[in-house]
């Protein structure tokens, strides 16, 4: 549902004429000051940030922010408006709204605003956020075949060893037998089986 919305919007932009005016079309989960510094090299760009979804029975309304970035050596106004040689952030935002309105893509623009975070002009970037929504079918089941295998590592520590091997063997049983003694520490890690 969320992955599908993110990927569908990226595909929509990549399939449009706008893609030829952009250096980067991608998704991010958040925008940090460090990322802003790295985004300078990626402008002009469009980044999708899925925000939330409102689920009602079998349908969901997913809301995403589309971050439109531009820069221009001629200054902030040129970065916002664009010029004959480079697209501006306002032009990218207008193109995103038009793309959603003119195609039967399932995305509806609901808001557009200039991001006034002072980190953007400090990085010589102009930023506009267009909020879009998409109606999708909510998941009705879990497809376990799509999930990666997980491995579980279970450790029980006896620091320094106070118990004999017999007690240690009891701790390794399923379920662990802690009737006569317990480990000093217990750690369970579950992760992808690699």
N, C-alpha and C. Protein backbone atom coordinates (compact mmCIF):
# COMPACT_ATOMS: atom_id res chain seq x y z
N UNK A 1 0.82 -1.17 0.00
CA UNK A 1 0.00 0.00 0.00
C UNK A 1 0.88 1.26 0.00
N UNK A 2 1.74 1.42 1.01
CA UNK A 2 2.61 2.60 1.06
C UNK A 2 3.72 2.50 0.02
N UNK A 3 4.31 1.32 -0.09
CA UNK A 3 5.35 1.11 -1.10
C UNK A 3 4.78 1.34 -2.49
N UNK A 4 3.59 0.81 -2.73
CA UNK A 4 2.96 0.96 -4.04
C UNK A 4 2.70 2.41 -4.39
N UNK A 5 2.27 3.21 -3.41
CA UNK A 5 2.02 4.64 -3.66
C UNK A 5 3.31 5.35 -3.99
N UNK A 6 4.34 5.10 -3.21
CA UNK A 6 5.64 5.73 -3.44
C UNK A 6 6.18 5.39 -4.83
N UNK A 7 6.18 4.11 -5.15
CA UNK A 7 6.71 3.68 -6.44
C UNK A 7 5.85 4.17 -7.60
N UNK A 8 4.52 4.19 -7.42
CA UNK A 8 3.63 4.65 -8.49
C UNK A 8 3.86 6.12 -8.81
N UNK A 9 4.10 6.93 -7.77
CA UNK A 9 4.33 8.35 -8.04
C UNK A 9 5.67 8.57 -8.73
N UNK A 10 6.69 7.87 -8.31
CA UNK A 10 8.00 7.98 -8.96
C UNK A 10 7.88 7.55 -10.43
N UNK A 11 7.18 6.45 -10.68
CA UNK A 11 6.97 6.00 -12.06
C UNK A 11 6.20 7.02 -12.88
N UNK A 12 5.21 7.67 -12.26
CA UNK A 12 4.42 8.69 -12.95
C UNK A 12 5.31 9.84 -13.43
N UNK A 13 6.19 10.31 -12.55
CA UNK A 13 7.09 11.42 -12.91
C UNK A 13 8.10 10.97 -13.96
N UNK A 14 8.63 9.76 -13.80
CA UNK A 14 9.62 9.25 -14.76
C UNK A 14 9.02 9.02 -16.14
N UNK A 15 7.72 8.80 -16.21
CA UNK A 15 7.07 8.57 -17.50
C UNK A 15 6.62 9.88 -18.16
N UNK A 16 6.82 11.00 -17.48
CA UNK A 16 6.36 12.29 -18.01
C UNK A 16 7.50 13.05 -18.68
N UNK A 17 7.13 14.11 -19.37
CA UNK A 17 8.14 14.98 -20.01
C UNK A 17 8.96 15.73 -18.96
N UNK A 18 8.45 15.86 -17.74
CA UNK A 18 9.18 16.54 -16.67
C UNK A 18 10.51 15.86 -16.37
N UNK A 19 10.58 14.55 -16.53
CA UNK A 19 11.80 13.80 -16.18
C UNK A 19 13.03 14.33 -16.90
N UNK A 20 12.86 14.85 -18.11
CA UNK A 20 14.00 15.35 -18.87
C UNK A 20 14.56 16.65 -18.31
N UNK A 21 13.81 17.31 -17.43
CA UNK A 21 14.26 18.56 -16.82
C UNK A 21 14.80 18.35 -15.41
N UNK A 22 14.74 17.11 -14.91
CA UNK A 22 15.16 16.80 -13.55
C UNK A 22 16.42 15.96 -13.54
N UNK A 23 17.24 16.15 -12.55
CA UNK A 23 18.42 15.32 -12.35
C UNK A 23 18.10 14.10 -11.49
N UNK A 24 17.18 14.28 -10.52
CA UNK A 24 16.88 13.21 -9.58
C UNK A 24 15.38 13.08 -9.37
N UNK A 25 14.89 11.84 -9.38
CA UNK A 25 13.51 11.50 -9.02
C UNK A 25 13.64 10.31 -8.08
N UNK A 26 13.29 10.51 -6.80
CA UNK A 26 13.55 9.47 -5.82
C UNK A 26 12.60 9.62 -4.63
N UNK A 27 12.74 8.75 -3.65
CA UNK A 27 11.96 8.80 -2.42
C UNK A 27 12.90 8.90 -1.24
N UNK A 28 12.47 9.59 -0.21
CA UNK A 28 13.21 9.67 1.05
C UNK A 28 12.22 9.51 2.19
N UNK A 29 12.72 9.11 3.35
CA UNK A 29 11.81 8.94 4.49
C UNK A 29 11.78 10.17 5.39
N UNK A 30 12.80 11.00 5.31
CA UNK A 30 12.83 12.24 6.06
C UNK A 30 13.89 13.15 5.46
N UNK A 31 13.83 14.42 5.83
CA UNK A 31 14.81 15.38 5.33
C UNK A 31 15.55 15.95 6.53
N UNK A 32 16.84 15.65 6.61
CA UNK A 32 17.68 16.12 7.70
C UNK A 32 18.63 17.19 7.17
N UNK A 33 19.24 17.97 8.05
CA UNK A 33 20.21 18.97 7.59
C UNK A 33 21.34 18.36 6.75
N UNK A 34 21.80 17.18 7.13
CA UNK A 34 22.86 16.52 6.36
C UNK A 34 22.38 16.16 4.96
N UNK A 35 21.12 15.69 4.87
CA UNK A 35 20.56 15.35 3.56
C UNK A 35 20.40 16.59 2.70
N UNK A 36 20.02 17.70 3.32
CA UNK A 36 19.86 18.95 2.56
C UNK A 36 21.18 19.32 1.89
N UNK A 37 22.28 19.19 2.63
CA UNK A 37 23.60 19.50 2.05
C UNK A 37 23.91 18.57 0.87
N UNK A 38 23.51 17.30 0.98
CA UNK A 38 23.76 16.35 -0.12
C UNK A 38 22.81 16.55 -1.30
N UNK A 39 21.64 17.11 -1.04
CA UNK A 39 20.66 17.32 -2.10
C UNK A 39 21.06 18.43 -3.06
N UNK A 40 22.02 19.24 -2.68
CA UNK A 40 22.48 20.32 -3.56
C UNK A 40 22.92 19.74 -4.90
N UNK A 41 23.64 18.64 -4.86
CA UNK A 41 24.15 18.03 -6.09
C UNK A 41 23.06 17.34 -6.90
N UNK A 42 21.90 17.08 -6.29
CA UNK A 42 20.85 16.35 -6.98
C UNK A 42 19.82 17.25 -7.66
N UNK A 43 19.87 18.55 -7.38
CA UNK A 43 18.87 19.47 -7.93
C UNK A 43 19.14 19.78 -9.40
N UNK A 44 18.11 20.00 -10.20
CA UNK A 44 16.69 19.98 -9.85
C UNK A 44 16.21 18.55 -9.59
N UNK A 45 15.31 18.45 -8.61
CA UNK A 45 14.92 17.11 -8.16
C UNK A 45 13.48 17.09 -7.65
N UNK A 46 12.93 15.88 -7.63
CA UNK A 46 11.64 15.59 -7.01
C UNK A 46 11.86 14.42 -6.07
N UNK A 47 11.49 14.60 -4.81
CA UNK A 47 11.57 13.53 -3.81
C UNK A 47 10.17 13.29 -3.24
N UNK A 48 9.81 12.04 -3.09
CA UNK A 48 8.51 11.66 -2.53
C UNK A 48 8.72 11.21 -1.09
N UNK A 49 7.90 11.76 -0.19
CA UNK A 49 7.93 11.38 1.22
C UNK A 49 6.53 10.96 1.63
N UNK A 50 6.29 9.67 1.78
CA UNK A 50 4.97 9.19 2.20
C UNK A 50 4.78 9.61 3.66
N UNK A 51 3.68 10.29 3.93
CA UNK A 51 3.43 10.81 5.28
C UNK A 51 2.55 9.89 6.11
N UNK A 52 1.37 9.58 5.61
CA UNK A 52 0.46 8.74 6.38
C UNK A 52 -0.65 8.21 5.47
N UNK A 53 -1.44 7.31 6.04
CA UNK A 53 -2.60 6.82 5.30
C UNK A 53 -3.79 6.73 6.25
N UNK A 54 -4.93 7.06 5.74
CA UNK A 54 -6.18 6.92 6.48
C UNK A 54 -6.88 5.68 5.93
N UNK A 55 -7.07 4.70 6.78
CA UNK A 55 -7.62 3.42 6.35
C UNK A 55 -9.07 3.30 6.82
N UNK A 56 -9.93 2.98 5.88
CA UNK A 56 -11.34 2.75 6.19
C UNK A 56 -11.76 1.46 5.50
N UNK A 57 -11.86 0.40 6.29
CA UNK A 57 -12.21 -0.93 5.81
C UNK A 57 -11.26 -1.39 4.71
N UNK A 58 -11.75 -1.55 3.48
CA UNK A 58 -10.92 -2.13 2.42
C UNK A 58 -10.23 -1.08 1.55
N UNK A 59 -10.32 0.20 1.92
CA UNK A 59 -9.65 1.22 1.12
C UNK A 59 -8.79 2.11 2.02
N UNK A 60 -7.84 2.76 1.41
CA UNK A 60 -6.95 3.65 2.15
C UNK A 60 -6.68 4.88 1.31
N UNK A 61 -6.52 6.00 1.97
CA UNK A 61 -6.16 7.26 1.31
C UNK A 61 -4.76 7.59 1.80
N UNK A 62 -3.77 7.44 0.92
CA UNK A 62 -2.37 7.67 1.27
C UNK A 62 -2.00 9.10 0.92
N UNK A 63 -1.37 9.79 1.86
CA UNK A 63 -0.92 11.17 1.66
C UNK A 63 0.60 11.18 1.58
N UNK A 64 1.11 11.88 0.57
CA UNK A 64 2.56 11.98 0.38
C UNK A 64 2.91 13.44 0.08
N UNK A 65 4.08 13.84 0.51
CA UNK A 65 4.63 15.14 0.16
C UNK A 65 5.60 14.95 -0.98
N UNK A 66 5.49 15.81 -1.98
CA UNK A 66 6.42 15.79 -3.11
C UNK A 66 7.29 17.02 -2.96
N UNK A 67 8.55 16.80 -2.65
CA UNK A 67 9.51 17.88 -2.45
C UNK A 67 10.12 18.25 -3.80
N UNK A 68 9.90 19.49 -4.22
CA UNK A 68 10.40 19.98 -5.50
C UNK A 68 11.58 20.90 -5.22
N UNK A 69 12.76 20.53 -5.69
CA UNK A 69 13.98 21.29 -5.41
C UNK A 69 14.60 21.84 -6.69
N UNK A 70 15.11 23.06 -6.59
CA UNK A 70 15.84 23.65 -7.72
C UNK A 70 16.92 24.56 -7.16
N UNK A 71 17.92 24.81 -7.98
CA UNK A 71 18.97 25.77 -7.65
C UNK A 71 19.38 26.47 -8.92
N UNK A 72 19.94 27.65 -8.76
CA UNK A 72 20.35 28.42 -9.91
C UNK A 72 21.47 29.34 -9.48
N UNK A 73 22.52 29.39 -10.25
CA UNK A 73 23.68 30.23 -9.93
C UNK A 73 23.32 31.71 -9.94
N UNK A 74 22.22 32.06 -10.59
CA UNK A 74 21.81 33.47 -10.66
C UNK A 74 21.10 33.92 -9.40
N UNK A 75 20.86 33.04 -8.43
CA UNK A 75 20.28 33.45 -7.17
C UNK A 75 18.96 32.79 -6.84
N UNK A 76 18.39 33.23 -5.69
CA UNK A 76 17.18 32.63 -5.16
C UNK A 76 15.97 32.79 -6.04
N UNK A 77 15.78 33.99 -6.63
CA UNK A 77 14.62 34.21 -7.48
C UNK A 77 14.67 33.29 -8.70
N UNK A 78 15.83 33.16 -9.32
CA UNK A 78 15.97 32.26 -10.47
C UNK A 78 15.77 30.81 -10.06
N UNK A 79 16.19 30.45 -8.85
CA UNK A 79 15.98 29.08 -8.37
C UNK A 79 14.49 28.81 -8.16
N UNK A 80 13.77 29.82 -7.70
CA UNK A 80 12.32 29.65 -7.49
C UNK A 80 11.56 29.67 -8.81
N UNK A 81 11.83 30.68 -9.64
CA UNK A 81 11.06 30.90 -10.86
C UNK A 81 11.58 30.13 -12.06
N UNK A 82 12.87 29.83 -12.09
CA UNK A 82 13.49 29.22 -13.25
C UNK A 82 13.89 30.29 -14.26
N UNK A 83 14.63 29.91 -15.26
CA UNK A 83 15.01 30.84 -16.33
C UNK A 83 15.17 30.03 -17.62
N UNK A 84 15.74 30.62 -18.61
CA UNK A 84 15.85 29.95 -19.91
C UNK A 84 16.72 28.71 -19.87
N UNK A 85 17.62 28.63 -18.88
CA UNK A 85 18.54 27.49 -18.86
C UNK A 85 18.22 26.43 -17.80
N UNK A 86 17.47 26.77 -16.76
CA UNK A 86 17.22 25.81 -15.68
C UNK A 86 15.79 25.96 -15.16
N UNK A 87 15.17 24.86 -14.84
CA UNK A 87 13.81 24.86 -14.30
C UNK A 87 13.86 25.34 -12.85
N UNK A 88 12.81 26.04 -12.43
CA UNK A 88 12.72 26.52 -11.06
C UNK A 88 11.81 25.64 -10.21
N UNK A 89 11.89 25.82 -8.90
CA UNK A 89 11.08 25.02 -7.98
C UNK A 89 9.59 25.26 -8.19
N UNK A 90 9.19 26.51 -8.48
CA UNK A 90 7.77 26.79 -8.73
C UNK A 90 7.32 26.07 -10.00
N UNK A 91 8.16 26.05 -11.01
CA UNK A 91 7.81 25.37 -12.26
C UNK A 91 7.67 23.87 -12.05
N UNK A 92 8.57 23.30 -11.24
CA UNK A 92 8.47 21.86 -10.94
C UNK A 92 7.15 21.59 -10.21
N UNK A 93 6.83 22.42 -9.22
CA UNK A 93 5.59 22.23 -8.46
C UNK A 93 4.37 22.34 -9.38
N UNK A 94 4.37 23.35 -10.27
CA UNK A 94 3.26 23.49 -11.22
C UNK A 94 3.15 22.26 -12.11
N UNK A 95 4.28 21.73 -12.54
CA UNK A 95 4.27 20.55 -13.40
C UNK A 95 3.73 19.33 -12.65
N UNK A 96 4.07 19.20 -11.37
CA UNK A 96 3.56 18.08 -10.56
C UNK A 96 2.04 18.19 -10.42
N UNK A 97 1.53 19.39 -10.14
CA UNK A 97 0.09 19.59 -10.02
C UNK A 97 -0.59 19.27 -11.35
N UNK A 98 -0.03 19.77 -12.44
CA UNK A 98 -0.61 19.51 -13.77
C UNK A 98 -0.57 18.03 -14.10
N UNK A 99 0.52 17.37 -13.76
CA UNK A 99 0.66 15.94 -14.02
C UNK A 99 -0.44 15.16 -13.30
N UNK A 100 -0.69 15.51 -12.06
CA UNK A 100 -1.74 14.83 -11.29
C UNK A 100 -3.13 15.15 -11.83
N UNK A 101 -3.35 16.41 -12.24
CA UNK A 101 -4.67 16.82 -12.72
C UNK A 101 -4.97 16.35 -14.14
N UNK A 102 -3.97 16.24 -14.98
CA UNK A 102 -4.20 15.95 -16.40
C UNK A 102 -4.20 14.48 -16.75
N UNK A 103 -3.67 13.65 -15.89
CA UNK A 103 -3.62 12.22 -16.17
C UNK A 103 -4.54 11.49 -15.21
N UNK A 104 -5.02 10.38 -15.64
CA UNK A 104 -5.83 9.54 -14.77
C UNK A 104 -4.89 8.65 -13.96
N UNK A 105 -4.06 9.30 -13.15
CA UNK A 105 -3.02 8.58 -12.42
C UNK A 105 -3.45 8.20 -11.01
N UNK A 106 -4.59 8.71 -10.56
CA UNK A 106 -5.06 8.37 -9.22
C UNK A 106 -4.52 9.29 -8.14
N UNK A 107 -3.69 10.25 -8.48
CA UNK A 107 -3.15 11.18 -7.50
C UNK A 107 -3.90 12.50 -7.57
N UNK A 108 -4.23 13.05 -6.42
CA UNK A 108 -4.92 14.32 -6.35
C UNK A 108 -4.05 15.30 -5.56
N UNK A 109 -3.67 16.43 -6.17
CA UNK A 109 -2.91 17.43 -5.39
C UNK A 109 -3.85 18.14 -4.42
N UNK A 110 -3.43 18.31 -3.17
CA UNK A 110 -4.29 18.94 -2.17
C UNK A 110 -3.70 20.21 -1.60
N UNK A 111 -2.40 20.44 -1.77
CA UNK A 111 -1.76 21.61 -1.17
C UNK A 111 -0.40 21.82 -1.82
N UNK A 112 0.02 23.07 -1.88
CA UNK A 112 1.38 23.40 -2.32
C UNK A 112 1.86 24.57 -1.48
N UNK A 113 3.09 24.46 -0.99
CA UNK A 113 3.62 25.55 -0.16
C UNK A 113 5.14 25.63 -0.32
N UNK A 114 5.63 26.83 -0.19
CA UNK A 114 7.07 27.05 -0.20
C UNK A 114 7.60 26.61 1.16
N UNK A 115 8.63 25.79 1.15
CA UNK A 115 9.24 25.34 2.41
C UNK A 115 10.17 26.46 2.89
N UNK A 116 9.83 27.08 3.99
CA UNK A 116 10.57 28.24 4.51
C UNK A 116 11.70 27.87 5.46
N UNK A 117 12.07 26.61 5.50
CA UNK A 117 13.19 26.18 6.34
C UNK A 117 14.44 26.94 5.88
N UNK A 118 15.12 27.66 6.78
CA UNK A 118 16.29 28.45 6.38
C UNK A 118 17.46 27.60 5.87
N UNK A 119 17.40 26.29 6.08
CA UNK A 119 18.47 25.42 5.57
C UNK A 119 18.47 25.37 4.04
N UNK A 120 17.28 25.54 3.41
CA UNK A 120 17.22 25.49 1.94
C UNK A 120 18.00 26.64 1.30
N UNK A 121 17.69 27.90 1.62
CA UNK A 121 18.48 28.98 1.00
C UNK A 121 19.95 28.95 1.42
N UNK A 122 20.23 28.48 2.63
CA UNK A 122 21.63 28.36 3.05
C UNK A 122 22.38 27.38 2.15
N UNK A 123 21.66 26.38 1.62
CA UNK A 123 22.26 25.41 0.70
C UNK A 123 22.08 25.84 -0.76
N UNK A 124 21.58 27.06 -0.96
CA UNK A 124 21.34 27.62 -2.30
C UNK A 124 20.30 26.82 -3.07
N UNK A 125 19.28 26.36 -2.34
CA UNK A 125 18.19 25.60 -2.94
C UNK A 125 16.86 26.30 -2.69
N UNK A 126 15.96 26.20 -3.64
CA UNK A 126 14.57 26.62 -3.45
C UNK A 126 13.75 25.34 -3.31
N UNK A 127 12.83 25.34 -2.35
CA UNK A 127 12.05 24.13 -2.07
C UNK A 127 10.56 24.44 -2.00
N UNK A 128 9.78 23.65 -2.72
CA UNK A 128 8.33 23.73 -2.68
C UNK A 128 7.82 22.31 -2.40
N UNK A 129 6.82 22.22 -1.52
CA UNK A 129 6.23 20.92 -1.19
C UNK A 129 4.81 20.88 -1.74
N UNK A 130 4.54 19.89 -2.58
CA UNK A 130 3.19 19.64 -3.09
C UNK A 130 2.68 18.39 -2.38
N UNK A 131 1.53 18.51 -1.73
CA UNK A 131 0.94 17.37 -1.05
C UNK A 131 -0.05 16.70 -2.01
N UNK A 132 0.09 15.39 -2.16
CA UNK A 132 -0.79 14.63 -3.04
C UNK A 132 -1.41 13.49 -2.26
N UNK A 133 -2.57 13.05 -2.72
CA UNK A 133 -3.23 11.90 -2.11
C UNK A 133 -3.56 10.88 -3.18
N UNK A 134 -3.60 9.63 -2.75
CA UNK A 134 -3.86 8.52 -3.65
C UNK A 134 -4.79 7.55 -2.94
N UNK A 135 -5.85 7.11 -3.60
CA UNK A 135 -6.75 6.11 -3.03
C UNK A 135 -6.29 4.73 -3.50
N UNK A 136 -6.11 3.84 -2.56
CA UNK A 136 -5.65 2.48 -2.87
C UNK A 136 -6.49 1.47 -2.09
N UNK A 137 -6.37 0.24 -2.50
CA UNK A 137 -7.02 -0.85 -1.79
C UNK A 137 -6.15 -1.22 -0.60
N UNK A 138 -6.76 -1.28 0.56
CA UNK A 138 -6.02 -1.66 1.77
C UNK A 138 -5.72 -3.15 1.73
N UNK A 139 -4.57 -3.55 2.29
CA UNK A 139 -4.25 -4.98 2.31
C UNK A 139 -5.29 -5.76 3.11
N UNK A 140 -5.60 -6.95 2.63
CA UNK A 140 -6.56 -7.79 3.33
C UNK A 140 -5.93 -9.04 3.92
N UNK A 141 -4.68 -9.25 3.62
CA UNK A 141 -3.99 -10.42 4.16
C UNK A 141 -2.49 -10.20 4.09
N UNK A 142 -1.76 -11.09 4.69
CA UNK A 142 -0.31 -11.01 4.71
C UNK A 142 0.26 -12.10 3.81
N UNK A 143 1.03 -11.70 2.84
CA UNK A 143 1.67 -12.66 1.94
C UNK A 143 3.04 -13.01 2.52
N UNK A 144 3.11 -14.10 3.24
CA UNK A 144 4.35 -14.49 3.92
C UNK A 144 5.47 -14.81 2.94
N UNK A 145 5.13 -15.16 1.70
CA UNK A 145 6.16 -15.48 0.71
C UNK A 145 6.96 -14.24 0.32
N UNK A 146 6.40 -13.04 0.52
CA UNK A 146 7.11 -11.81 0.18
C UNK A 146 8.09 -11.38 1.27
N UNK A 147 7.96 -11.95 2.46
CA UNK A 147 8.84 -11.57 3.56
C UNK A 147 10.15 -12.34 3.48
N UNK A 148 11.23 -11.67 3.79
CA UNK A 148 12.54 -12.32 3.82
C UNK A 148 12.61 -13.24 5.03
N UNK A 149 13.46 -14.26 4.94
CA UNK A 149 13.65 -15.16 6.07
C UNK A 149 14.36 -14.42 7.19
N UNK A 150 13.94 -14.72 8.42
CA UNK A 150 14.58 -14.12 9.58
C UNK A 150 15.31 -15.19 10.37
N UNK A 151 16.40 -14.80 10.97
CA UNK A 151 17.15 -15.69 11.85
C UNK A 151 17.11 -15.09 13.25
N UNK A 152 17.01 -15.93 14.26
CA UNK A 152 16.99 -15.45 15.63
C UNK A 152 18.23 -15.96 16.34
N UNK A 153 18.92 -15.03 16.97
CA UNK A 153 20.08 -15.37 17.79
C UNK A 153 19.69 -15.13 19.23
N UNK A 154 19.80 -16.17 20.05
CA UNK A 154 19.42 -16.06 21.44
C UNK A 154 20.63 -16.39 22.29
N UNK A 155 21.02 -15.44 23.14
CA UNK A 155 22.19 -15.65 24.00
C UNK A 155 21.81 -15.46 25.45
N UNK A 156 22.35 -16.34 26.29
CA UNK A 156 22.15 -16.24 27.73
C UNK A 156 23.52 -16.25 28.36
N UNK A 157 23.80 -15.22 29.16
CA UNK A 157 25.15 -15.00 29.67
C UNK A 157 25.24 -15.34 31.15
N UNK A 158 26.33 -15.99 31.51
CA UNK A 158 26.65 -16.33 32.88
C UNK A 158 27.99 -15.66 33.16
N UNK A 159 27.99 -14.46 33.75
CA UNK A 159 29.20 -13.64 33.86
C UNK A 159 29.56 -13.47 35.32
N UNK A 160 30.77 -13.79 35.75
CA UNK A 160 31.59 -14.88 35.21
C UNK A 160 30.84 -16.19 35.43
N UNK A 161 31.26 -17.27 34.80
CA UNK A 161 30.50 -18.52 34.92
C UNK A 161 30.33 -18.94 36.38
N UNK A 162 29.08 -18.94 36.84
CA UNK A 162 28.76 -19.37 38.21
C UNK A 162 28.11 -20.75 38.21
N UNK A 163 27.51 -21.10 37.10
CA UNK A 163 26.78 -22.36 37.02
C UNK A 163 27.58 -23.37 36.21
N UNK A 164 27.28 -24.65 36.42
CA UNK A 164 27.98 -25.69 35.66
C UNK A 164 27.27 -25.92 34.32
N UNK A 165 27.84 -26.77 33.50
CA UNK A 165 27.33 -27.07 32.17
C UNK A 165 25.93 -27.63 32.17
N UNK A 166 25.54 -28.35 33.23
CA UNK A 166 24.20 -28.91 33.31
C UNK A 166 23.15 -27.80 33.33
N UNK A 167 23.43 -26.76 34.12
CA UNK A 167 22.50 -25.62 34.18
C UNK A 167 22.46 -24.89 32.84
N UNK A 168 23.64 -24.73 32.22
CA UNK A 168 23.68 -24.08 30.90
C UNK A 168 22.83 -24.84 29.88
N UNK A 169 22.88 -26.18 29.93
CA UNK A 169 22.08 -26.99 29.01
C UNK A 169 20.58 -26.78 29.23
N UNK A 170 20.17 -26.59 30.49
CA UNK A 170 18.76 -26.33 30.79
C UNK A 170 18.31 -25.01 30.14
N UNK A 171 19.21 -24.03 30.15
CA UNK A 171 18.86 -22.72 29.58
C UNK A 171 18.64 -22.80 28.07
N UNK A 172 19.28 -23.80 27.41
CA UNK A 172 19.17 -23.94 25.96
C UNK A 172 17.95 -24.73 25.52
N UNK A 173 17.21 -25.30 26.47
CA UNK A 173 16.01 -26.05 26.12
C UNK A 173 14.94 -25.10 25.57
N UNK A 174 13.98 -25.67 24.84
CA UNK A 174 12.84 -24.91 24.33
C UNK A 174 11.60 -25.37 25.06
N UNK A 175 10.97 -24.59 25.86
CA UNK A 175 11.40 -23.28 26.34
C UNK A 175 12.50 -23.43 27.37
N UNK A 176 13.26 -22.36 27.61
CA UNK A 176 14.38 -22.43 28.57
C UNK A 176 13.88 -22.82 29.97
N UNK A 177 14.68 -23.64 30.65
CA UNK A 177 14.36 -24.08 32.01
C UNK A 177 15.16 -23.22 32.99
N UNK A 178 14.46 -22.30 33.66
CA UNK A 178 15.11 -21.42 34.64
C UNK A 178 14.61 -21.74 36.05
N UNK A 179 14.23 -23.00 36.30
CA UNK A 179 13.67 -23.35 37.60
C UNK A 179 14.70 -23.34 38.71
N UNK A 180 15.95 -23.73 38.43
CA UNK A 180 16.97 -23.79 39.49
C UNK A 180 18.01 -22.68 39.38
N UNK A 181 18.15 -22.07 38.20
CA UNK A 181 19.10 -20.97 38.05
C UNK A 181 18.71 -20.14 36.82
N UNK A 182 19.21 -18.91 36.76
CA UNK A 182 18.95 -18.04 35.62
C UNK A 182 20.25 -17.40 35.16
N UNK A 183 20.33 -17.07 33.88
CA UNK A 183 21.53 -16.38 33.40
C UNK A 183 21.57 -14.96 33.95
N UNK A 184 22.78 -14.39 33.99
CA UNK A 184 22.93 -13.01 34.46
C UNK A 184 22.35 -12.01 33.46
N UNK A 185 22.39 -12.35 32.18
CA UNK A 185 21.85 -11.47 31.13
C UNK A 185 21.28 -12.32 30.02
N UNK A 186 20.34 -11.76 29.31
CA UNK A 186 19.67 -12.48 28.22
C UNK A 186 19.54 -11.53 27.04
N UNK A 187 19.86 -12.00 25.84
CA UNK A 187 19.81 -11.14 24.66
C UNK A 187 19.23 -11.94 23.50
N UNK A 188 18.22 -11.36 22.85
CA UNK A 188 17.65 -11.99 21.65
C UNK A 188 17.70 -10.99 20.51
N UNK A 189 18.29 -11.38 19.40
CA UNK A 189 18.37 -10.54 18.20
C UNK A 189 17.68 -11.27 17.07
N UNK A 190 16.76 -10.59 16.41
CA UNK A 190 16.10 -11.15 15.25
C UNK A 190 16.40 -10.25 14.07
N UNK A 191 16.83 -10.83 12.98
CA UNK A 191 17.17 -10.04 11.79
C UNK A 191 17.09 -10.88 10.56
N UNK A 192 17.41 -10.25 9.44
CA UNK A 192 17.39 -10.97 8.17
C UNK A 192 18.43 -12.07 8.16
N UNK A 193 18.06 -13.20 7.64
CA UNK A 193 18.97 -14.33 7.52
C UNK A 193 19.88 -14.07 6.34
N UNK A 194 21.17 -13.85 6.60
CA UNK A 194 22.10 -13.50 5.51
C UNK A 194 23.21 -14.50 5.40
